[in-house]
Amino acid sequence: VSMFEGEKTSSELANTYAIDQDNFKGKFGETYLLPTYGKEIYRKV
């Protein structure tokens, strides 16, 4: 999922864990890997 600096993503899971909890900024080229633990149809975001 893409993320612009200072904005939210289209994934609520990513917004909750990466942005709200870990303060991921979305600077160009940065990445954040998040396991879904079976809550989604994809293994990781």
All heavy atoms as atom14 arrays in JSON, in Angstrom:
{
  "sequence": "VSMFEGEKTSSELANTYAIDQDNFKGKFGETYLLPTYGKEIYRKV",
  "atom14_mask": [
    [1, 1, 1, 1, 1, 1, 1, 0, 0, 0, 0, 0, 0, 0],
    [1, 1, 1, 1, 1, 1, 0, 0, 0, 0, 0, 0, 0, 0],
    [1, 1, 1, 1, 1, 1, 1, 1, 0, 0, 0, 0, 0, 0],
    [1, 1, 1, 1, 1, 1, 1, 1, 1, 1, 1, 0, 0, 0],
    [1, 1, 1, 1, 1, 1, 1, 1, 1, 0, 0, 0, 0, 0],
    [1, 1, 1, 1, 0, 0, 0, 0, 0, 0, 0, 0, 0, 0],
    [1, 1, 1, 1, 1, 1, 1, 1, 1, 0, 0, 0, 0, 0],
    [1, 1, 1, 1, 1, 1, 1, 1, 1, 0, 0, 0, 0, 0],
    [1, 1, 1, 1, 1, 1, 1, 0, 0, 0, 0, 0, 0, 0],
    [1, 1, 1, 1, 1, 1, 0, 0, 0, 0, 0, 0, 0, 0],
    [1, 1, 1, 1, 1, 1, 0, 0, 0, 0, 0, 0, 0, 0],
    [1, 1, 1, 1, 1, 1, 1, 1, 1, 0, 0, 0, 0, 0],
    [1, 1, 1, 1, 1, 1, 1, 1, 0, 0, 0, 0, 0, 0],
    [1, 1, 1, 1, 1, 0, 0, 0, 0, 0, 0, 0, 0, 0],
    [1, 1, 1, 1, 1, 1, 1, 1, 0, 0, 0, 0, 0, 0],
    [1, 1, 1, 1, 1, 1, 1, 0, 0, 0, 0, 0, 0, 0],
    [1, 1, 1, 1, 1, 1, 1, 1, 1, 1, 1, 1, 0, 0],
    [1, 1, 1, 1, 1, 0, 0, 0, 0, 0, 0, 0, 0, 0],
    [1, 1, 1, 1, 1, 1, 1, 1, 0, 0, 0, 0, 0, 0],
    [1, 1, 1, 1, 1, 1, 1, 1, 0, 0, 0, 0, 0, 0],
    [1, 1, 1, 1, 1, 1, 1, 1, 1, 0, 0, 0, 0, 0],
    [1, 1, 1, 1, 1, 1, 1, 1, 0, 0, 0, 0, 0, 0],
    [1, 1, 1, 1, 1, 1, 1, 1, 0, 0, 0, 0, 0, 0],
    [1, 1, 1, 1, 1, 1, 1, 1, 1, 1, 1, 0, 0, 0],
    [1, 1, 1, 1, 1, 1, 1, 1, 1, 0, 0, 0, 0, 0],
    [1, 1, 1, 1, 0, 0, 0, 0, 0, 0, 0, 0, 0, 0],
    [1, 1, 1, 1, 1, 1, 1, 1, 1, 0, 0, 0, 0, 0],
    [1, 1, 1, 1, 1, 1, 1, 1, 1, 1, 1, 0, 0, 0],
    [1, 1, 1, 1, 0, 0, 0, 0, 0, 0, 0, 0, 0, 0],
    [1, 1, 1, 1, 1, 1, 1, 1, 1, 0, 0, 0, 0, 0],
    [1, 1, 1, 1, 1, 1, 1, 0, 0, 0, 0, 0, 0, 0],
    [1, 1, 1, 1, 1, 1, 1, 1, 1, 1, 1, 1, 0, 0],
    [1, 1, 1, 1, 1, 1, 1, 1, 0, 0, 0, 0, 0, 0],
    [1, 1, 1, 1, 1, 1, 1, 1, 0, 0, 0, 0, 0, 0],
    [1, 1, 1, 1, 1, 1, 1, 0, 0, 0, 0, 0, 0, 0],
    [1, 1, 1, 1, 1, 1, 1, 0, 0, 0, 0, 0, 0, 0],
    [1, 1, 1, 1, 1, 1, 1, 1, 1, 1, 1, 1, 0, 0],
    [1, 1, 1, 1, 0, 0, 0, 0, 0, 0, 0, 0, 0, 0],
    [1, 1, 1, 1, 1, 1, 1, 1, 1, 0, 0, 0, 0, 0],
    [1, 1, 1, 1, 1, 1, 1, 1, 1, 0, 0, 0, 0, 0],
    [1, 1, 1, 1, 1, 1, 1, 1, 0, 0, 0, 0, 0, 0],
    [1, 1, 1, 1, 1, 1, 1, 1, 1, 1, 1, 1, 0, 0],
    [1, 1, 1, 1, 1, 1, 1, 1, 1, 1, 1, 0, 0, 0],
    [1, 1, 1, 1, 1, 1, 1, 1, 1, 0, 0, 0, 0, 0],
    [1, 1, 1, 1, 1, 1, 1, 0, 0, 0, 0, 0, 0, 0]
  ],
  "atom14_positions": [
    [[0.85, -1.18, 0.0], [0.0, 0.0, 0.0], [0.89, 1.24, 0.0], [1.92, 1.29, 0.69], [-0.97, 0.02, 1.2], [-1.95, -1.12, 1.13], [-0.21, 0.0, 2.52], [0.0, 0.0, 0.0], [0.0, 0.0, 0.0], [0.0, 0.0, 0.0], [0.0, 0.0, 0.0], [0.0, 0.0, 0.0], [0.0, 0.0, 0.0], [0.0, 0.0, 0.0]],
    [[0.52, 2.21, -0.79], [1.32, 3.43, -0.89], [0.93, 4.41, 0.21], [-0.2, 4.42, 0.7], [1.12, 4.08, -2.25], [-0.26, 4.41, -2.45], [0.0, 0.0, 0.0], [0.0, 0.0, 0.0], [0.0, 0.0, 0.0], [0.0, 0.0, 0.0], [0.0, 0.0, 0.0], [0.0, 0.0, 0.0], [0.0, 0.0, 0.0], [0.0, 0.0, 0.0]],
    [[1.9, 5.25, 0.58], [1.64, 6.26, 1.61], [2.42, 7.52, 1.29], [3.63, 7.49, 1.12], [2.04, 5.74, 2.99], [1.88, 6.77, 4.1], [2.4, 6.11, 5.7], [2.41, 7.62, 6.68], [0.0, 0.0, 0.0], [0.0, 0.0, 0.0], [0.0, 0.0, 0.0], [0.0, 0.0, 0.0], [0.0, 0.0, 0.0], [0.0, 0.0, 0.0]],
    [[1.7, 8.62, 1.19], [2.34, 9.91, 1.04], [2.68, 10.46, 2.42], [1.99, 10.2, 3.41], [1.43, 10.9, 0.32], [1.28, 10.61, -1.15], [0.1, 10.07, -1.65], [2.32, 10.85, -2.03], [-0.04, 9.79, -3.0], [2.19, 10.57, -3.38], [1.01, 10.04, -3.87], [0.0, 0.0, 0.0], [0.0, 0.0, 0.0], [0.0, 0.0, 0.0]],
    [[3.76, 11.2, 2.48], [4.2, 11.77, 3.75], [3.12, 12.68, 4.34], [2.59, 13.55, 3.66], [5.5, 12.56, 3.51], [6.24, 12.93, 4.77], [7.62, 13.52, 4.49], [8.1, 13.39, 3.35], [8.19, 14.12, 5.42], [0.0, 0.0, 0.0], [0.0, 0.0, 0.0], [0.0, 0.0, 0.0], [0.0, 0.0, 0.0], [0.0, 0.0, 0.0]],
    [[2.76, 12.39, 5.59], [1.76, 13.19, 6.27], [0.33, 12.77, 6.02], [-0.6, 13.43, 6.48], [0.0, 0.0, 0.0], [0.0, 0.0, 0.0], [0.0, 0.0, 0.0], [0.0, 0.0, 0.0], [0.0, 0.0, 0.0], [0.0, 0.0, 0.0], [0.0, 0.0, 0.0], [0.0, 0.0, 0.0], [0.0, 0.0, 0.0], [0.0, 0.0, 0.0]],
    [[0.13, 11.67, 5.27], [-1.22, 11.19, 4.97], [-1.4, 9.77, 5.47], [-0.44, 9.09, 5.83], [-1.49, 11.27, 3.46], [-1.45, 12.68, 2.89], [-1.85, 12.72, 1.43], [-2.32, 11.68, 0.92], [-1.68, 13.78, 0.79], [0.0, 0.0, 0.0], [0.0, 0.0, 0.0], [0.0, 0.0, 0.0], [0.0, 0.0, 0.0], [0.0, 0.0, 0.0]],
    [[-2.64, 9.31, 5.48], [-2.97, 7.94, 5.85], [-2.89, 7.05, 4.61], [-2.85, 7.52, 3.47], [-4.38, 7.87, 6.44], [-4.56, 8.66, 7.74], [-3.96, 7.91, 8.92], [-4.33, 8.59, 10.23], [-3.83, 7.85, 11.41], [0.0, 0.0, 0.0], [0.0, 0.0, 0.0], [0.0, 0.0, 0.0], [0.0, 0.0, 0.0], [0.0, 0.0, 0.0]],
    [[-2.88, 5.72, 4.84], [-2.93, 4.77, 3.73], [-4.37, 4.3, 3.54], [-5.27, 4.66, 4.3], [-2.04, 3.54, 4.01], [-2.7, 2.69, 4.94], [-0.69, 3.95, 4.57], [0.0, 0.0, 0.0], [0.0, 0.0, 0.0], [0.0, 0.0, 0.0], [0.0, 0.0, 0.0], [0.0, 0.0, 0.0], [0.0, 0.0, 0.0], [0.0, 0.0, 0.0]],
    [[-4.59, 3.44, 2.56], [-5.92, 2.86, 2.33], [-6.15, 1.62, 3.18], [-7.19, 0.98, 3.08], [-6.08, 2.51, 0.85], [-5.11, 1.55, 0.46], [0.0, 0.0, 0.0], [0.0, 0.0, 0.0], [0.0, 0.0, 0.0], [0.0, 0.0, 0.0], [0.0, 0.0, 0.0], [0.0, 0.0, 0.0], [0.0, 0.0, 0.0], [0.0, 0.0, 0.0]],
    [[-5.17, 1.25, 4.02], [-5.27, 0.06, 4.88], [-5.44, 0.5, 6.33], [-4.56, 1.14, 6.9], [-4.02, -0.81, 4.73], [-3.96, -1.79, 5.73], [0.0, 0.0, 0.0], [0.0, 0.0, 0.0], [0.0, 0.0, 0.0], [0.0, 0.0, 0.0], [0.0, 0.0, 0.0], [0.0, 0.0, 0.0], [0.0, 0.0, 0.0], [0.0, 0.0, 0.0]],
    [[-6.56, 0.13, 6.93], [-6.79, 0.47, 8.33], [-5.78, -0.21, 9.24], [-5.34, 0.34, 10.25], [-8.21, 0.08, 8.74], [-9.29, 0.97, 8.13], [-9.1, 2.44, 8.5], [-8.73, 2.73, 9.66], [-9.29, 3.29, 7.61], [0.0, 0.0, 0.0], [0.0, 0.0, 0.0], [0.0, 0.0, 0.0], [0.0, 0.0, 0.0], [0.0, 0.0, 0.0]],
    [[-5.4, -1.44, 8.87], [-4.4, -2.17, 9.64], [-3.08, -1.41, 9.66], [-2.44, -1.25, 10.71], [-4.21, -3.56, 9.05], [-3.49, -4.61, 9.9], [-4.32, -4.96, 11.13], [-3.22, -5.86, 9.08], [0.0, 0.0, 0.0], [0.0, 0.0, 0.0], [0.0, 0.0, 0.0], [0.0, 0.0, 0.0], [0.0, 0.0, 0.0], [0.0, 0.0, 0.0]],
    [[-2.66, -0.93, 8.47], [-1.42, -0.17, 8.37], [-1.51, 1.14, 9.14], [-0.57, 1.54, 9.83], [-1.11, 0.11, 6.9], [0.0, 0.0, 0.0], [0.0, 0.0, 0.0], [0.0, 0.0, 0.0], [0.0, 0.0, 0.0], [0.0, 0.0, 0.0], [0.0, 0.0, 0.0], [0.0, 0.0, 0.0], [0.0, 0.0, 0.0], [0.0, 0.0, 0.0]],
    [[-2.65, 1.82, 9.03], [-2.82, 3.09, 9.74], [-2.72, 2.89, 11.26], [-2.11, 3.7, 11.96], [-4.17, 3.71, 9.38], [-4.24, 4.13, 7.93], [-3.22, 4.34, 7.29], [-5.45, 4.23, 7.4], [0.0, 0.0, 0.0], [0.0, 0.0, 0.0], [0.0, 0.0, 0.0], [0.0, 0.0, 0.0], [0.0, 0.0, 0.0], [0.0, 0.0, 0.0]],
    [[-3.31, 1.83, 11.74], [-3.34, 1.59, 13.19], [-1.95, 1.27, 13.74], [-1.51, 1.87, 14.72], [-4.3, 0.43, 13.51], [-5.61, 0.77, 13.08], [-4.31, 0.16, 15.01], [0.0, 0.0, 0.0], [0.0, 0.0, 0.0], [0.0, 0.0, 0.0], [0.0, 0.0, 0.0], [0.0, 0.0, 0.0], [0.0, 0.0, 0.0], [0.0, 0.0, 0.0]],
    [[-1.26, 0.32, 13.1], [0.0, -0.16, 13.67], [1.21, 0.68, 13.22], [2.05, 1.04, 14.05], [0.21, -1.62, 13.3], [-0.72, -2.55, 14.03], [-1.9, -2.99, 13.43], [-0.44, -2.99, 15.32], [-2.78, -3.83, 14.1], [-1.32, -3.83, 16.0], [-2.48, -4.25, 15.38], [-3.35, -5.08, 16.04], [0.0, 0.0, 0.0], [0.0, 0.0, 0.0]],
    [[1.31, 0.95, 11.93], [2.51, 1.63, 11.43], [2.49, 3.12, 11.74], [3.49, 3.67, 12.2], [2.63, 1.42, 9.92], [0.0, 0.0, 0.0], [0.0, 0.0, 0.0], [0.0, 0.0, 0.0], [0.0, 0.0, 0.0], [0.0, 0.0, 0.0], [0.0, 0.0, 0.0], [0.0, 0.0, 0.0], [0.0, 0.0, 0.0], [0.0, 0.0, 0.0]],
    [[1.35, 3.77, 11.5], [1.3, 5.23, 11.64], [0.97, 5.63, 13.08], [1.73, 6.37, 13.72], [0.27, 5.82, 10.66], [0.66, 5.48, 9.21], [0.19, 7.33, 10.82], [-0.35, 5.89, 8.18], [0.0, 0.0, 0.0], [0.0, 0.0, 0.0], [0.0, 0.0, 0.0], [0.0, 0.0, 0.0], [0.0, 0.0, 0.0], [0.0, 0.0, 0.0]],
    [[-0.13, 5.12, 13.6], [-0.57, 5.56, 14.92], [0.34, 5.06, 16.04], [0.64, 5.8, 16.99], [-2.01, 5.09, 15.17], [-3.0, 5.72, 14.2], [-2.65, 6.75, 13.6], [-4.1, 5.17, 14.04], [0.0, 0.0, 0.0], [0.0, 0.0, 0.0], [0.0, 0.0, 0.0], [0.0, 0.0, 0.0], [0.0, 0.0, 0.0], [0.0, 0.0, 0.0]],
    [[0.78, 3.81, 15.94], [1.59, 3.26, 17.04], [3.08, 3.45, 16.85], [3.79, 3.79, 17.79], [1.27, 1.77, 17.2], [-0.15, 1.49, 17.68], [-0.37, 0.02, 18.02], [0.58, -0.75, 18.16], [-1.64, -0.37, 18.16], [0.0, 0.0, 0.0], [0.0, 0.0, 0.0], [0.0, 0.0, 0.0], [0.0, 0.0, 0.0], [0.0, 0.0, 0.0]],
    [[3.59, 3.24, 15.61], [5.04, 3.31, 15.39], [5.49, 4.59, 14.7], [6.68, 4.74, 14.37], [5.51, 2.1, 14.57], [5.5, 0.83, 15.39], [5.34, 0.93, 16.62], [5.65, -0.26, 14.81], [0.0, 0.0, 0.0], [0.0, 0.0, 0.0], [0.0, 0.0, 0.0], [0.0, 0.0, 0.0], [0.0, 0.0, 0.0], [0.0, 0.0, 0.0]],
    [[4.55, 5.49, 14.43], [4.88, 6.82, 13.89], [5.64, 6.75, 12.56], [6.55, 7.53, 12.31], [5.7, 7.6, 14.92], [5.66, 9.11, 14.66], [4.67, 9.63, 14.13], [6.71, 9.8, 15.02], [0.0, 0.0, 0.0], [0.0, 0.0, 0.0], [0.0, 0.0, 0.0], [0.0, 0.0, 0.0], [0.0, 0.0, 0.0], [0.0, 0.0, 0.0]],
    [[5.25, 5.8, 11.7], [5.85, 5.71, 10.37], [5.44, 6.93, 9.56], [4.26, 7.28, 9.49], [5.37, 4.42, 9.68], [5.95, 4.22, 8.31], [7.27, 3.86, 8.13], [5.16, 4.39, 7.17], [7.8, 3.65, 6.87], [5.68, 4.21, 5.9], [7.0, 3.83, 5.75], [0.0, 0.0, 0.0], [0.0, 0.0, 0.0], [0.0, 0.0, 0.0]],
    [[6.42, 7.6, 8.92], [6.17, 8.89, 8.28], [5.84, 8.81, 6.79], [5.25, 9.72, 6.23], [7.4, 9.8, 8.46], [7.75, 10.1, 9.92], [6.66, 10.92, 10.59], [7.09, 11.34, 11.99], [6.02, 12.09, 12.7], [0.0, 0.0, 0.0], [0.0, 0.0, 0.0], [0.0, 0.0, 0.0], [0.0, 0.0, 0.0], [0.0, 0.0, 0.0]],
    [[6.27, 7.74, 6.14], [6.03, 7.62, 4.7], [6.98, 8.44, 3.85], [6.63, 8.83, 2.73], [0.0, 0.0, 0.0], [0.0, 0.0, 0.0], [0.0, 0.0, 0.0], [0.0, 0.0, 0.0], [0.0, 0.0, 0.0], [0.0, 0.0, 0.0], [0.0, 0.0, 0.0], [0.0, 0.0, 0.0], [0.0, 0.0, 0.0], [0.0, 0.0, 0.0]],
    [[8.19, 8.7, 4.37], [9.17, 9.42, 3.56], [9.54, 8.57, 2.35], [9.45, 7.35, 2.36], [10.41, 9.73, 4.4], [10.14, 10.75, 5.5], [11.41, 11.09, 6.26], [11.13, 12.14, 7.33], [12.35, 12.48, 8.1], [0.0, 0.0, 0.0], [0.0, 0.0, 0.0], [0.0, 0.0, 0.0], [0.0, 0.0, 0.0], [0.0, 0.0, 0.0]],
    [[10.0, 9.25, 1.3], [10.23, 8.55, 0.03], [11.23, 7.4, 0.21], [12.33, 7.57, 0.75], [10.75, 9.5, -1.04], [10.99, 8.81, -2.36], [9.93, 8.51, -3.18], [12.27, 8.42, -2.75], [10.12, 7.84, -4.38], [12.48, 7.76, -3.94], [11.39, 7.47, -4.76], [0.0, 0.0, 0.0], [0.0, 0.0, 0.0], [0.0, 0.0, 0.0]],
    [[10.82, 6.22, -0.25], [11.68, 5.05, -0.23], [11.64, 4.26, 1.05], [12.17, 3.14, 1.11], [0.0, 0.0, 0.0], [0.0, 0.0, 0.0], [0.0, 0.0, 0.0], [0.0, 0.0, 0.0], [0.0, 0.0, 0.0], [0.0, 0.0, 0.0], [0.0, 0.0, 0.0], [0.0, 0.0, 0.0], [0.0, 0.0, 0.0], [0.0, 0.0, 0.0]],
    [[11.02, 4.79, 2.1], [10.92, 4.05, 3.35], [9.86, 2.96, 3.22], [8.86, 3.13, 2.51], [10.55, 4.98, 4.51], [11.67, 5.91, 4.94], [11.29, 6.73, 6.16], [10.08, 6.8, 6.5], [12.19, 7.31, 6.78], [0.0, 0.0, 0.0], [0.0, 0.0, 0.0], [0.0, 0.0, 0.0], [0.0, 0.0, 0.0], [0.0, 0.0, 0.0]],
    [[10.07, 1.86, 3.94], [9.08, 0.78, 3.94], [8.82, 0.31, 5.37], [9.67, 0.47, 6.26], [9.56, -0.42, 3.1], [10.81, -0.9, 3.62], [9.71, -0.05, 1.64], [0.0, 0.0, 0.0], [0.0, 0.0, 0.0], [0.0, 0.0, 0.0], [0.0, 0.0, 0.0], [0.0, 0.0, 0.0], [0.0, 0.0, 0.0], [0.0, 0.0, 0.0]],
    [[7.65, -0.26, 5.54], [7.26, -0.8, 6.85], [6.51, -2.09, 6.58], [5.49, -2.09, 5.88], [6.37, 0.21, 7.6], [5.98, -0.21, 9.0], [6.59, 0.35, 10.11], [4.97, -1.16, 9.22], [6.24, -0.02, 11.4], [4.6, -1.54, 10.51], [5.24, -0.97, 11.6], [4.87, -1.33, 12.87], [0.0, 0.0, 0.0], [0.0, 0.0, 0.0]],
    [[7.0, -3.2, 7.14], [6.4, -4.51, 6.9], [5.57, -4.92, 8.12], [6.04, -4.9, 9.25], [7.49, -5.55, 6.64], [7.01, -6.92, 6.14], [6.35, -6.8, 4.78], [8.19, -7.9, 6.08], [0.0, 0.0, 0.0], [0.0, 0.0, 0.0], [0.0, 0.0, 0.0], [0.0, 0.0, 0.0], [0.0, 0.0, 0.0], [0.0, 0.0, 0.0]],
    [[4.34, -5.3, 7.84], [3.39, -5.59, 8.92], [2.73, -6.95, 8.68], [2.03, -7.14, 7.68], [2.32, -4.49, 8.95], [1.2, -4.62, 9.97], [1.73, -4.43, 11.38], [0.12, -3.57, 9.67], [0.0, 0.0, 0.0], [0.0, 0.0, 0.0], [0.0, 0.0, 0.0], [0.0, 0.0, 0.0], [0.0, 0.0, 0.0], [0.0, 0.0, 0.0]],
    [[2.91, -7.93, 9.58], [2.19, -9.21, 9.45], [0.7, -9.0, 9.71], [0.3, -8.14, 10.49], [2.81, -10.07, 10.56], [4.07, -9.37, 10.97], [3.84, -7.92, 10.72], [0.0, 0.0, 0.0], [0.0, 0.0, 0.0], [0.0, 0.0, 0.0], [0.0, 0.0, 0.0], [0.0, 0.0, 0.0], [0.0, 0.0, 0.0], [0.0, 0.0, 0.0]],
    [[-0.12, -9.79, 9.03], [-1.58, -9.65, 9.24], [-2.13, -10.73, 10.16], [-3.31, -10.66, 10.55], [-2.31, -9.74, 7.88], [-2.08, -11.03, 7.3], [-1.84, -8.66, 6.93], [0.0, 0.0, 0.0], [0.0, 0.0, 0.0], [0.0, 0.0, 0.0], [0.0, 0.0, 0.0], [0.0, 0.0, 0.0], [0.0, 0.0, 0.0], [0.0, 0.0, 0.0]],
    [[-1.32, -11.74, 10.48], [-1.72, -12.8, 11.42], [-3.07, -13.43, 11.05], [-3.89, -13.7, 11.91], [-1.77, -12.24, 12.85], [-0.45, -11.68, 13.32], [-0.29, -10.32, 13.5], [0.63, -12.53, 13.55], [0.93, -9.79, 13.93], [1.86, -12.0, 13.97], [2.0, -10.65, 14.16], [3.21, -10.13, 14.57], [0.0, 0.0, 0.0], [0.0, 0.0, 0.0]],
    [[-3.27, -13.62, 9.77], [-4.46, -14.31, 9.31], [-5.72, -13.47, 9.3], [-6.81, -13.98, 8.99], [0.0, 0.0, 0.0], [0.0, 0.0, 0.0], [0.0, 0.0, 0.0], [0.0, 0.0, 0.0], [0.0, 0.0, 0.0], [0.0, 0.0, 0.0], [0.0, 0.0, 0.0], [0.0, 0.0, 0.0], [0.0, 0.0, 0.0], [0.0, 0.0, 0.0]],
    [[-5.62, -12.19, 9.58], [-6.8, -11.33, 9.61], [-7.19, -10.82, 8.22], [-8.27, -10.25, 8.04], [-6.55, -10.13, 10.53], [-6.36, -10.5, 11.99], [-6.11, -9.27, 12.85], [-5.9, -9.65, 14.32], [-5.65, -8.46, 15.17], [0.0, 0.0, 0.0], [0.0, 0.0, 0.0], [0.0, 0.0, 0.0], [0.0, 0.0, 0.0], [0.0, 0.0, 0.0]],
    [[-6.29, -10.99, 7.25], [-6.54, -10.54, 5.88], [-6.23, -11.67, 4.91], [-5.67, -12.71, 5.31], [-5.68, -9.31, 5.54], [-5.86, -8.12, 6.48], [-7.17, -7.39, 6.27], [-7.9, -7.73, 5.32], [-7.46, -6.47, 7.05], [0.0, 0.0, 0.0], [0.0, 0.0, 0.0], [0.0, 0.0, 0.0], [0.0, 0.0, 0.0], [0.0, 0.0, 0.0]],
    [[-6.55, -11.49, 3.64], [-6.29, -12.53, 2.64], [-4.84, -12.48, 2.14], [-4.44, -13.3, 1.33], [-7.26, -12.43, 1.45], [-7.15, -11.06, 0.75], [-8.68, -12.7, 1.89], [-7.98, -10.97, -0.51], [0.0, 0.0, 0.0], [0.0, 0.0, 0.0], [0.0, 0.0, 0.0], [0.0, 0.0, 0.0], [0.0, 0.0, 0.0], [0.0, 0.0, 0.0]],
    [[-4.08, -11.53, 2.6], [-2.66, -11.44, 2.28], [-1.89, -11.61, 3.59], [-2.32, -11.18, 4.66], [-2.31, -10.1, 1.61], [-3.28, -8.99, 1.91], [-3.14, -8.21, 3.07], [-4.35, -8.72, 1.07], [-4.04, -7.2, 3.37], [-5.26, -7.71, 1.36], [-5.09, -6.96, 2.52], [-5.98, -5.97, 2.82], [0.0, 0.0, 0.0], [0.0, 0.0, 0.0]],
    [[-0.73, -12.27, 3.5], [0.02, -12.6, 4.71], [0.65, -11.38, 5.38], [0.74, -11.3, 6.59], [1.12, -13.62, 4.39], [0.59, -15.0, 4.03], [1.7, -16.04, 4.04], [2.78, -15.74, 3.09], [4.01, -15.4, 3.43], [4.34, -15.26, 4.7], [4.92, -15.18, 2.49], [0.0, 0.0, 0.0], [0.0, 0.0, 0.0], [0.0, 0.0, 0.0]],
    [[1.11, -10.43, 4.54], [1.77, -9.25, 5.09], [1.32, -8.0, 4.32], [0.9, -8.09, 3.15], [3.29, -9.38, 5.0], [3.9, -10.45, 5.92], [5.41, -10.49, 5.75], [6.05, -11.43, 6.77], [5.68, -12.83, 6.58], [0.0, 0.0, 0.0], [0.0, 0.0, 0.0], [0.0, 0.0, 0.0], [0.0, 0.0, 0.0], [0.0, 0.0, 0.0]],
    [[1.41, -6.87, 4.98], [1.21, -5.58, 4.34], [2.55, -4.85, 4.33], [3.21, -4.76, 5.38], [0.15, -4.73, 5.07], [0.07, -3.33, 4.46], [-1.21, -5.4, 5.0], [0.0, 0.0, 0.0], [0.0, 0.0, 0.0], [0.0, 0.0, 0.0], [0.0, 0.0, 0.0], [0.0, 0.0, 0.0], [0.0, 0.0, 0.0], [0.0, 0.0, 0.0]]
  ]
}
